[in-house]
Amino acid sequence: MKIKICGIKNENEAKIINECMPDIAGFVFASGKRQIDINKAKILKKIINPEIETAGIFVEQNEDEILEIYNEKVIDIIQLHGDYDERTIKNLKEKTNAKIIKVIRVKEGFYKIETLADFILFDAYSKDKYGGLNKTFDWNIKIISNVPYFVAGGINENNIVEMVKKLTPYGVDISSGVEVDGFKTKEKVFNIIKIIKEELNI
């Protein structure tokens, strides 16, 4: 199972990522408490082990802004929150070599997905915010998808086993669940990766 640690925002967190070696590290370019700009992303990209892919998180930002950041070679993956249609996904795939993650905020009990994106990410719904809620959704949902999917939303070392057994995702996306006072800690990142690899044998 792929492990994505999202919301990396400073050099110390980048070093933690290198020590714990998840598959993907996420940079948030959308407004919010974890937002960084392109200059900070360049610094963090140089620190992070090149074996770890980096994802850029965007919320309702236009194609030009996304492409500008991608072309600076700080992200390998584009994660789209909001009302991005399939035409936008098609355009981004034609103009980049990035993998695309399309985010769906869960409001229903069944999802049948057909998309040009490489992956879907299921996250908790809020009418006010896109992501970063630190709350789970109903893991009893049924999913049919033409692409693999990640699960996000309130996942931590105490509930990840339950979530994986119910949803068997391709990947997990974790942010708040490995933080103390808003910052990633080595202990929490290490612990959740250990649970995935040892207890879940994934």
C-alpha atoms as a PDB file:
ATOM      1  CA  MET A   1       0.000   0.000   0.000  1.00  0.00           C
ATOM      2  CA  LYS A   2       1.271   3.449  -0.915  1.00  0.00           C
ATOM      3  CA  ILE A   3       1.861   5.847   1.979  1.00  0.00           C
ATOM      4  CA  LYS A   4       1.466   9.579   1.410  1.00  0.00           C
ATOM      5  CA  ILE A   5       2.368  12.062   4.134  1.00  0.00           C
ATOM      6  CA  CYS A   6       0.774  15.373   3.232  1.00  0.00           C
ATOM      7  CA  GLY A   7       1.355  18.979   4.254  1.00  0.00           C
ATOM      8  CA  ILE A   8       5.159  19.063   4.483  1.00  0.00           C
ATOM      9  CA  LYS A   9       5.974  22.683   5.225  1.00  0.00           C
ATOM     10  CA  ASN A  10       9.458  23.028   6.712  1.00  0.00           C
ATOM     11  CA  GLU A  11      12.952  21.589   6.628  1.00  0.00           C
ATOM     12  CA  ASN A  12      12.533  19.545   9.805  1.00  0.00           C
ATOM     13  CA  GLU A  13       9.463  17.786   8.404  1.00  0.00           C
ATOM     14  CA  ALA A  14      11.354  17.103   5.168  1.00  0.00           C
ATOM     15  CA  LYS A  15      14.133  15.449   7.186  1.00  0.00           C
ATOM     16  CA  ILE A  16      11.554  13.342   9.046  1.00  0.00           C
ATOM     17  CA  ILE A  17      10.204  12.208   5.695  1.00  0.00           C
ATOM     18  CA  ASN A  18      13.691  11.124   4.643  1.00  0.00           C
ATOM     19  CA  GLU A  19      14.160   9.118   7.838  1.00  0.00           C
ATOM     20  CA  CYS A  20      10.795   7.375   7.592  1.00  0.00           C
ATOM     21  CA  MET A  21      10.621   6.989   3.779  1.00  0.00           C
ATOM     22  CA  PRO A  22       6.924   7.093   2.815  1.00  0.00           C
ATOM     23  CA  ASP A  23       6.190   6.757  -0.898  1.00  0.00           C
ATOM     24  CA  ILE A  24       4.878  10.293  -1.401  1.00  0.00           C
ATOM     25  CA  ALA A  25       5.289  13.662   0.336  1.00  0.00           C
ATOM     26  CA  GLY A  26       2.646  16.329  -0.253  1.00  0.00           C
ATOM     27  CA  PHE A  27       3.099  20.091  -0.621  1.00  0.00           C
ATOM     28  CA  VAL A  28      -0.026  22.211  -0.127  1.00  0.00           C
ATOM     29  CA  PHE A  29      -0.203  25.165  -2.528  1.00  0.00           C
ATOM     30  CA  ALA A  30      -3.801  26.018  -1.628  1.00  0.00           C
ATOM     31  CA  SER A  31      -4.748  28.450   1.145  1.00  0.00           C
ATOM     32  CA  GLY A  32      -4.602  27.057   4.664  1.00  0.00           C
ATOM     33  CA  LYS A  33      -2.384  26.397   7.642  1.00  0.00           C
ATOM     34  CA  ARG A  34      -0.057  24.083   5.688  1.00  0.00           C
ATOM     35  CA  GLN A  35       0.281  26.272   2.612  1.00  0.00           C
ATOM     36  CA  ILE A  36       3.740  26.844   1.151  1.00  0.00           C
ATOM     37  CA  ASP A  37       4.838  28.811  -1.908  1.00  0.00           C
ATOM     38  CA  ILE A  38       6.925  27.723  -4.871  1.00  0.00           C
ATOM     39  CA  ASN A  39      10.174  29.032  -3.369  1.00  0.00           C
ATOM     40  CA  LYS A  40       9.698  27.002  -0.186  1.00  0.00           C
ATOM     41  CA  ALA A  41       8.744  23.961  -2.240  1.00  0.00           C
ATOM     42  CA  LYS A  42      12.010  24.227  -4.172  1.00  0.00           C
ATOM     43  CA  ILE A  43      13.982  24.193  -0.920  1.00  0.00           C
ATOM     44  CA  LEU A  44      12.066  21.204   0.459  1.00  0.00           C
ATOM     45  CA  LYS A  45      12.286  19.291  -2.837  1.00  0.00           C
ATOM     46  CA  LYS A  46      16.086  19.516  -2.685  1.00  0.00           C
ATOM     47  CA  ILE A  47      16.067  18.079   0.852  1.00  0.00           C
ATOM     48  CA  ILE A  48      13.635  15.225   0.241  1.00  0.00           C
ATOM     49  CA  ASN A  49      15.110  11.936  -0.969  1.00  0.00           C
ATOM     50  CA  PRO A  50      14.574  11.697  -4.751  1.00  0.00           C
ATOM     51  CA  GLU A  51      13.124   8.202  -4.273  1.00  0.00           C
ATOM     52  CA  ILE A  52      10.134   9.848  -2.577  1.00  0.00           C
ATOM     53  CA  GLU A  53       7.627  11.311  -5.034  1.00  0.00           C
ATOM     54  CA  THR A  54       6.227  14.750  -4.301  1.00  0.00           C
ATOM     55  CA  ALA A  55       2.625  15.802  -4.831  1.00  0.00           C
ATOM     56  CA  GLY A  56       1.228  19.301  -5.194  1.00  0.00           C
ATOM     57  CA  ILE A  57      -2.178  19.891  -3.608  1.00  0.00           C
ATOM     58  CA  PHE A  58      -4.389  22.398  -5.431  1.00  0.00           C
ATOM     59  CA  VAL A  59      -7.888  23.689  -4.622  1.00  0.00           C
ATOM     60  CA  GLU A  60      -9.803  25.380  -7.446  1.00  0.00           C
ATOM     61  CA  GLN A  61      -6.568  26.846  -8.813  1.00  0.00           C
ATOM     62  CA  ASN A  62      -6.330  27.389 -12.536  1.00  0.00           C
ATOM     63  CA  GLU A  63      -4.359  25.300 -14.989  1.00  0.00           C
ATOM     64  CA  ASP A  64      -1.728  27.983 -15.556  1.00  0.00           C
ATOM     65  CA  GLU A  65      -0.837  28.137 -11.865  1.00  0.00           C
ATOM     66  CA  ILE A  66      -0.657  24.354 -11.638  1.00  0.00           C
ATOM     67  CA  LEU A  67       1.516  24.124 -14.756  1.00  0.00           C
ATOM     68  CA  GLU A  68       3.835  26.878 -13.511  1.00  0.00           C
ATOM     69  CA  ILE A  69       4.546  24.933 -10.331  1.00  0.00           C
ATOM     70  CA  TYR A  70       4.872  21.609 -12.161  1.00  0.00           C
ATOM     71  CA  ASN A  71       7.311  23.096 -14.669  1.00  0.00           C
ATOM     72  CA  GLU A  72       9.581  24.175 -11.807  1.00  0.00           C
ATOM     73  CA  LYS A  73      10.126  20.427 -11.220  1.00  0.00           C
ATOM     74  CA  VAL A  74       9.080  20.451  -7.565  1.00  0.00           C
ATOM     75  CA  ILE A  75       6.166  18.001  -7.949  1.00  0.00           C
ATOM     76  CA  ASP A  76       5.672  14.636  -9.632  1.00  0.00           C
ATOM     77  CA  ILE A  77       1.962  14.314  -8.840  1.00  0.00           C
ATOM     78  CA  ILE A  78      -0.907  16.802  -9.183  1.00  0.00           C
ATOM     79  CA  GLN A  79      -3.715  16.453  -6.611  1.00  0.00           C
ATOM     80  CA  LEU A  80      -6.932  18.256  -7.493  1.00  0.00           C
ATOM     81  CA  HIS A  81      -9.527  19.312  -4.901  1.00  0.00           C
ATOM     82  CA  GLY A  82     -12.704  20.958  -6.109  1.00  0.00           C
ATOM     83  CA  ASP A  83     -14.801  20.990  -9.261  1.00  0.00           C
ATOM     84  CA  TYR A  84     -12.124  20.019 -11.775  1.00  0.00           C
ATOM     85  CA  ASP A  85     -13.759  18.323 -14.757  1.00  0.00           C
ATOM     86  CA  GLU A  86     -12.400  15.545 -16.940  1.00  0.00           C
ATOM     87  CA  ARG A  87     -11.389  18.040 -19.631  1.00  0.00           C
ATOM     88  CA  THR A  88      -9.041  19.751 -17.155  1.00  0.00           C
ATOM     89  CA  ILE A  89      -7.562  16.404 -16.189  1.00  0.00           C
ATOM     90  CA  LYS A  90      -7.084  15.551 -19.873  1.00  0.00           C
ATOM     91  CA  ASN A  91      -5.368  18.891 -20.514  1.00  0.00           C
ATOM     92  CA  LEU A  92      -2.999  18.456 -17.572  1.00  0.00           C
ATOM     93  CA  LYS A  93      -2.099  14.942 -18.668  1.00  0.00           C
ATOM     94  CA  GLU A  94      -1.356  16.169 -22.186  1.00  0.00           C
ATOM     95  CA  LYS A  95       0.849  19.016 -20.927  1.00  0.00           C
ATOM     96  CA  THR A  96       2.747  17.162 -18.170  1.00  0.00           C
ATOM     97  CA  ASN A  97       4.120  13.769 -17.247  1.00  0.00           C
ATOM     98  CA  ALA A  98       2.512  14.076 -13.818  1.00  0.00           C
ATOM     99  CA  LYS A  99       0.239  11.505 -12.300  1.00  0.00           C
ATOM    100  CA  ILE A 100      -3.133  13.031 -11.398  1.00  0.00           C
ATOM    101  CA  ILE A 101      -5.078  12.425  -8.186  1.00  0.00           C
ATOM    102  CA  LYS A 102      -8.713  13.519  -8.270  1.00  0.00           C
ATOM    103  CA  VAL A 103     -10.230  14.123  -4.832  1.00  0.00           C
ATOM    104  CA  ILE A 104     -13.799  13.141  -3.986  1.00  0.00           C
ATOM    105  CA  ARG A 105     -15.328  14.348  -0.744  1.00  0.00           C
ATOM    106  CA  VAL A 106     -17.590  11.608   0.544  1.00  0.00           C
ATOM    107  CA  LYS A 107     -21.267  12.479   0.913  1.00  0.00           C
ATOM    108  CA  GLU A 108     -22.882   9.246  -0.312  1.00  0.00           C
ATOM    109  CA  GLY A 109     -22.725   5.537   0.440  1.00  0.00           C
ATOM    110  CA  PHE A 110     -21.827   4.324  -3.064  1.00  0.00           C
ATOM    111  CA  TYR A 111     -19.436   5.609  -5.722  1.00  0.00           C
ATOM    112  CA  LYS A 112     -18.967   4.384  -9.268  1.00  0.00           C
ATOM    113  CA  ILE A 113     -15.992   6.208 -10.732  1.00  0.00           C
ATOM    114  CA  GLU A 114     -14.916   6.628 -14.353  1.00  0.00           C
ATOM    115  CA  THR A 115     -12.045   9.084 -14.711  1.00  0.00           C
ATOM    116  CA  LEU A 116      -8.982   9.974 -16.750  1.00  0.00           C
ATOM    117  CA  ALA A 117      -7.094  10.638 -13.525  1.00  0.00           C
ATOM    118  CA  ASP A 118      -4.532   8.072 -12.404  1.00  0.00           C
ATOM    119  CA  PHE A 119      -5.967   7.845  -8.899  1.00  0.00           C
ATOM    120  CA  ILE A 120      -8.976   8.873  -6.827  1.00  0.00           C
ATOM    121  CA  LEU A 121      -8.616  10.107  -3.260  1.00  0.00           C
ATOM    122  CA  PHE A 122     -11.635   9.803  -0.974  1.00  0.00           C
ATOM    123  CA  ASP A 123     -11.745  12.386   1.823  1.00  0.00           C
ATOM    124  CA  ALA A 124     -14.239  13.607   4.403  1.00  0.00           C
ATOM    125  CA  TYR A 125     -16.786  16.200   3.294  1.00  0.00           C
ATOM    126  CA  SER A 126     -17.164  19.698   4.665  1.00  0.00           C
ATOM    127  CA  LYS A 127     -19.134  22.528   3.111  1.00  0.00           C
ATOM    128  CA  ASP A 128     -16.495  25.001   4.303  1.00  0.00           C
ATOM    129  CA  LYS A 129     -13.129  23.349   3.659  1.00  0.00           C
ATOM    130  CA  TYR A 130     -11.331  21.094   1.200  1.00  0.00           C
ATOM    131  CA  GLY A 131      -9.198  18.639   3.146  1.00  0.00           C
ATOM    132  CA  GLY A 132      -7.241  19.049   6.377  1.00  0.00           C
ATOM    133  CA  LEU A 133     -10.326  18.393   8.494  1.00  0.00           C
ATOM    134  CA  ASN A 134      -8.867  15.635  10.675  1.00  0.00           C
ATOM    135  CA  LYS A 135     -12.189  13.803  10.543  1.00  0.00           C
ATOM    136  CA  THR A 136     -13.117  10.441   9.075  1.00  0.00           C
ATOM    137  CA  PHE A 137     -16.000   9.545   6.785  1.00  0.00           C
ATOM    138  CA  ASP A 138     -18.154   6.391   6.839  1.00  0.00           C
ATOM    139  CA  TRP A 139     -15.757   3.590   5.881  1.00  0.00           C
ATOM    140  CA  ASN A 140     -18.684   1.298   5.040  1.00  0.00           C
ATOM    141  CA  ILE A 141     -19.125   2.964   1.650  1.00  0.00           C
ATOM    142  CA  LYS A 142     -19.047   0.848  -1.514  1.00  0.00           C
ATOM    143  CA  ILE A 143     -16.665   1.807  -4.301  1.00  0.00           C
ATOM    144  CA  ILE A 144     -16.371   0.782  -7.934  1.00  0.00           C
ATOM    145  CA  SER A 145     -13.554   2.609  -9.706  1.00  0.00           C
ATOM    146  CA  ASN A 146     -11.650   2.257 -12.955  1.00  0.00           C
ATOM    147  CA  VAL A 147      -8.522   3.529 -11.168  1.00  0.00           C
ATOM    148  CA  PRO A 148      -6.881   2.748  -7.803  1.00  0.00           C
ATOM    149  CA  TYR A 149      -7.869   4.915  -4.862  1.00  0.00           C
ATOM    150  CA  PHE A 150      -6.350   6.510  -1.784  1.00  0.00           C
ATOM    151  CA  VAL A 151      -8.196   7.207   1.466  1.00  0.00           C
ATOM    152  CA  ALA A 152      -7.683  10.335   3.584  1.00  0.00           C
ATOM    153  CA  GLY A 153      -9.467  12.018   6.469  1.00  0.00           C
ATOM    154  CA  GLY A 154      -8.677  11.665  10.156  1.00  0.00           C
ATOM    155  CA  ILE A 155      -6.451   8.613   9.743  1.00  0.00           C
ATOM    156  CA  ASN A 156      -4.031   7.894  12.569  1.00  0.00           C
ATOM    157  CA  GLU A 157      -2.216   5.003  14.238  1.00  0.00           C
ATOM    158  CA  ASN A 158      -5.328   4.100  16.260  1.00  0.00           C
ATOM    159  CA  ASN A 159      -7.747   3.654  13.361  1.00  0.00           C
ATOM    160  CA  ILE A 160      -5.705   2.828  10.273  1.00  0.00           C
ATOM    161  CA  VAL A 161      -6.071  -0.951  10.695  1.00  0.00           C
ATOM    162  CA  GLU A 162      -9.866  -0.667  10.786  1.00  0.00           C
ATOM    163  CA  MET A 163      -9.937   1.593   7.721  1.00  0.00           C
ATOM    164  CA  VAL A 164      -7.679  -0.653   5.639  1.00  0.00           C
ATOM    165  CA  LYS A 165      -9.672  -3.771   6.492  1.00  0.00           C
ATOM    166  CA  LYS A 166     -12.925  -2.066   5.454  1.00  0.00           C
ATOM    167  CA  LEU A 167     -11.788  -0.271   2.310  1.00  0.00           C
ATOM    168  CA  THR A 168      -8.579  -2.059   1.185  1.00  0.00           C
ATOM    169  CA  PRO A 169      -7.270   1.077  -0.549  1.00  0.00           C
ATOM    170  CA  TYR A 170      -4.329   1.329  -2.909  1.00  0.00           C
ATOM    171  CA  GLY A 171      -2.917   4.073  -0.716  1.00  0.00           C
ATOM    172  CA  VAL A 172      -3.410   6.103   2.436  1.00  0.00           C
ATOM    173  CA  ASP A 173      -3.012   9.869   2.800  1.00  0.00           C
ATOM    174  CA  ILE A 174      -2.122  11.118   6.279  1.00  0.00           C
ATOM    175  CA  SER A 175      -1.481  14.599   7.656  1.00  0.00           C
ATOM    176  CA  SER A 176      -3.070  15.605  10.977  1.00  0.00           C
ATOM    177  CA  GLY A 177      -2.759  12.033  12.245  1.00  0.00           C
ATOM    178  CA  VAL A 178       1.029  12.317  12.395  1.00  0.00           C
ATOM    179  CA  GLU A 179       1.175  15.789  13.928  1.00  0.00           C
ATOM    180  CA  VAL A 180       1.543  17.232  17.413  1.00  0.00           C
ATOM    181  CA  ASP A 181       0.572  20.896  17.762  1.00  0.00           C
ATOM    182  CA  GLY A 182       0.384  21.215  13.983  1.00  0.00           C
ATOM    183  CA  PHE A 183       3.804  19.746  13.160  1.00  0.00           C
ATOM    184  CA  LYS A 184       4.836  16.314  11.921  1.00  0.00           C
ATOM    185  CA  THR A 185       6.768  14.207  14.439  1.00  0.00           C
ATOM    186  CA  LYS A 186       9.201  11.434  13.625  1.00  0.00           C
ATOM    187  CA  GLU A 187       7.597   9.148  16.214  1.00  0.00           C
ATOM    188  CA  LYS A 188       4.111   9.419  14.736  1.00  0.00           C
ATOM    189  CA  VAL A 189       5.219   9.095  11.116  1.00  0.00           C
ATOM    190  CA  PHE A 190       7.412   6.125  11.994  1.00  0.00           C
ATOM    191  CA  ASN A 191       4.670   4.435  14.034  1.00  0.00           C
ATOM    192  CA  ILE A 192       2.020   4.612  11.340  1.00  0.00           C
ATOM    193  CA  ILE A 193       4.394   3.321   8.665  1.00  0.00           C
ATOM    194  CA  LYS A 194       5.411   0.483  11.008  1.00  0.00           C
ATOM    195  CA  ILE A 195       1.753  -0.472  11.532  1.00  0.00           C
ATOM    196  CA  ILE A 196       1.144  -0.555   7.784  1.00  0.00           C
ATOM    197  CA  LYS A 197       4.217  -2.651   7.049  1.00  0.00           C
ATOM    198  CA  GLU A 198       4.172  -4.958  10.074  1.00  0.00           C
ATOM    199  CA  GLU A 199       0.634  -5.311  11.422  1.00  0.00           C
ATOM    200  CA  LEU A 200      -1.066  -5.071   8.039  1.00  0.00           C
ATOM    201  CA  ASN A 201       1.820  -6.739   6.172  1.00  0.00           C
ATOM    202  CA  ILE A 202       1.424  -4.329   3.258  1.00  0.00           C
END
